[in-house]
C-alpha atoms as a PDB file:
ATOM      1  CA  MET A   1       0.000   0.000   0.000  1.00  0.00           C
ATOM      2  CA  ALA A   2       1.356   3.412  -0.952  1.00  0.00           C
ATOM      3  CA  ALA A   3       2.033   6.040   1.673  1.00  0.00           C
ATOM      4  CA  SER A   4      -0.444   8.865   1.836  1.00  0.00           C
ATOM      5  CA  ARG A   5       0.631  12.237   0.539  1.00  0.00           C
ATOM      6  CA  TYR A   6      -1.471  13.947   3.159  1.00  0.00           C
ATOM      7  CA  ARG A   7       0.471  15.289   6.115  1.00  0.00           C
ATOM      8  CA  ARG A   8      -1.360  16.283   9.229  1.00  0.00           C
ATOM      9  CA  PRO A   9      -0.664  19.823  10.415  1.00  0.00           C
ATOM     10  CA  SER A  10       1.289  20.178  13.617  1.00  0.00           C
ATOM     11  CA  PRO A  11      -0.805  20.793  16.750  1.00  0.00           C
ATOM     12  CA  ALA A  12       0.747  24.256  17.120  1.00  0.00           C
ATOM     13  CA  SER A  13      -0.565  25.323  13.711  1.00  0.00           C
ATOM     14  CA  VAL A  14      -4.146  24.213  14.361  1.00  0.00           C
ATOM     15  CA  GLY A  15      -6.592  26.424  16.205  1.00  0.00           C
ATOM     16  CA  PHE A  16      -7.168  30.110  16.535  1.00  0.00           C
ATOM     17  CA  GLY A  17      -3.599  31.318  16.588  1.00  0.00           C
ATOM     18  CA  HIS A  18      -2.929  30.267  20.175  1.00  0.00           C
ATOM     19  CA  THR A  19       0.403  28.553  20.313  1.00  0.00           C
ATOM     20  CA  GLU A  20       1.049  29.130  24.000  1.00  0.00           C
ATOM     21  CA  PRO A  21      -0.789  27.167  26.671  1.00  0.00           C
ATOM     22  CA  VAL A  22      -3.654  29.001  28.355  1.00  0.00           C
ATOM     23  CA  SER A  23      -3.465  29.479  32.099  1.00  0.00           C
ATOM     24  CA  PRO A  24      -5.504  26.901  34.027  1.00  0.00           C
ATOM     25  CA  HIS A  25      -7.219  29.836  35.740  1.00  0.00           C
ATOM     26  CA  HIS A  26      -8.321  31.501  32.517  1.00  0.00           C
ATOM     27  CA  ALA A  27     -11.624  29.663  32.050  1.00  0.00           C
ATOM     28  CA  GLN A  28     -12.733  30.208  35.630  1.00  0.00           C
ATOM     29  CA  LEU A  29     -11.764  33.887  35.629  1.00  0.00           C
ATOM     30  CA  SER A  30     -13.371  34.446  32.237  1.00  0.00           C
ATOM     31  CA  SER A  31     -16.603  32.941  33.547  1.00  0.00           C
ATOM     32  CA  THR A  32     -16.360  35.154  36.625  1.00  0.00           C
ATOM     33  CA  ALA A  33     -15.929  38.216  34.399  1.00  0.00           C
ATOM     34  CA  SER A  34     -19.101  37.302  32.499  1.00  0.00           C
ATOM     35  CA  SER A  35     -20.995  36.827  35.756  1.00  0.00           C
ATOM     36  CA  LEU A  36     -19.700  40.164  36.979  1.00  0.00           C
ATOM     37  CA  ASP A  37     -21.003  41.892  33.837  1.00  0.00           C
ATOM     38  CA  GLU A  38     -24.436  40.353  34.439  1.00  0.00           C
ATOM     39  CA  LEU A  39     -24.357  41.419  38.087  1.00  0.00           C
ATOM     40  CA  ILE A  40     -23.561  45.003  37.075  1.00  0.00           C
ATOM     41  CA  LYS A  41     -26.613  45.033  34.791  1.00  0.00           C
ATOM     42  CA  ARG A  42     -28.825  43.802  37.641  1.00  0.00           C
ATOM     43  CA  VAL A  43     -27.501  46.397  40.079  1.00  0.00           C
ATOM     44  CA  VAL A  44     -28.056  49.193  37.561  1.00  0.00           C
ATOM     45  CA  ALA A  45     -31.599  47.980  36.854  1.00  0.00           C
ATOM     46  CA  ALA A  46     -32.389  47.973  40.580  1.00  0.00           C
ATOM     47  CA  ALA A  47     -30.878  51.434  41.003  1.00  0.00           C
ATOM     48  CA  ASP A  48     -32.872  52.770  38.061  1.00  0.00           C
ATOM     49  CA  ASP A  49     -36.086  51.344  39.538  1.00  0.00           C
ATOM     50  CA  LEU A  50     -35.394  53.001  42.893  1.00  0.00           C
ATOM     51  CA  ALA A  51     -34.219  56.332  41.463  1.00  0.00           C
ATOM     52  CA  GLY A  52     -37.590  58.058  41.639  1.00  0.00           C
ATOM     53  CA  ASP A  53     -38.707  56.984  45.107  1.00  0.00           C
ATOM     54  CA  ARG A  54     -35.589  56.136  47.112  1.00  0.00           C
ATOM     55  CA  GLU A  55     -32.735  58.323  45.900  1.00  0.00           C
ATOM     56  CA  ASP A  56     -30.618  57.321  48.909  1.00  0.00           C
ATOM     57  CA  LEU A  57     -30.729  53.636  47.972  1.00  0.00           C
ATOM     58  CA  ALA A  58     -30.328  54.369  44.261  1.00  0.00           C
ATOM     59  CA  SER A  59     -27.236  56.440  45.023  1.00  0.00           C
ATOM     60  CA  ASP A  60     -25.749  53.609  47.070  1.00  0.00           C
ATOM     61  CA  LEU A  61     -26.441  51.129  44.280  1.00  0.00           C
ATOM     62  CA  TYR A  62     -24.790  53.405  41.713  1.00  0.00           C
ATOM     63  CA  GLU A  63     -21.746  53.486  43.986  1.00  0.00           C
ATOM     64  CA  VAL A  64     -21.805  49.669  44.043  1.00  0.00           C
ATOM     65  CA  GLU A  65     -21.988  49.737  40.239  1.00  0.00           C
ATOM     66  CA  ARG A  66     -18.892  51.948  40.035  1.00  0.00           C
ATOM     67  CA  SER A  67     -16.992  49.608  42.323  1.00  0.00           C
ATOM     68  CA  LEU A  68     -18.059  46.540  40.338  1.00  0.00           C
ATOM     69  CA  ARG A  69     -17.017  48.205  37.071  1.00  0.00           C
ATOM     70  CA  THR A  70     -13.608  48.983  38.567  1.00  0.00           C
ATOM     71  CA  GLY A  71     -13.262  45.336  39.572  1.00  0.00           C
ATOM     72  CA  ALA A  72     -14.414  44.189  36.121  1.00  0.00           C
ATOM     73  CA  ARG A  73     -11.767  46.356  34.435  1.00  0.00           C
ATOM     74  CA  ARG A  74      -9.081  44.987  36.740  1.00  0.00           C
ATOM     75  CA  LEU A  75     -10.203  41.411  36.047  1.00  0.00           C
ATOM     76  CA  THR A  76     -10.075  42.084  32.290  1.00  0.00           C
ATOM     77  CA  THR A  77      -6.515  43.318  32.715  1.00  0.00           C
ATOM     78  CA  VAL A  78      -5.588  40.170  34.647  1.00  0.00           C
ATOM     79  CA  LEU A  79      -7.102  37.984  31.893  1.00  0.00           C
ATOM     80  CA  ARG A  80      -5.064  39.804  29.243  1.00  0.00           C
ATOM     81  CA  ARG A  81      -1.916  39.342  31.278  1.00  0.00           C
ATOM     82  CA  LEU A  82      -2.665  35.626  31.662  1.00  0.00           C
ATOM     83  CA  ASP A  83      -2.957  35.428  27.881  1.00  0.00           C
ATOM     84  CA  GLY A  84       0.399  37.152  27.509  1.00  0.00           C
ATOM     85  CA  ARG A  85      -1.040  40.210  25.777  1.00  0.00           C
END
């Protein structure tokens, strides 16, 4: 039987351009970042609902939103650093 002319590509050349291993923490932190984005949306929605009647609570929730956004930006930076970017 004749040898096949087809050569399989090397594992490093297959995929989406990632040739370096991904940190084992990346998937968990990426999922956490997505959850954090969803949490921010929920906090903002609650603050918006309270804005007319309970400005004190709405103000506190907007402060929580700012803190969560700061944390989300920091987490995004950590994820980029894990990826080596």
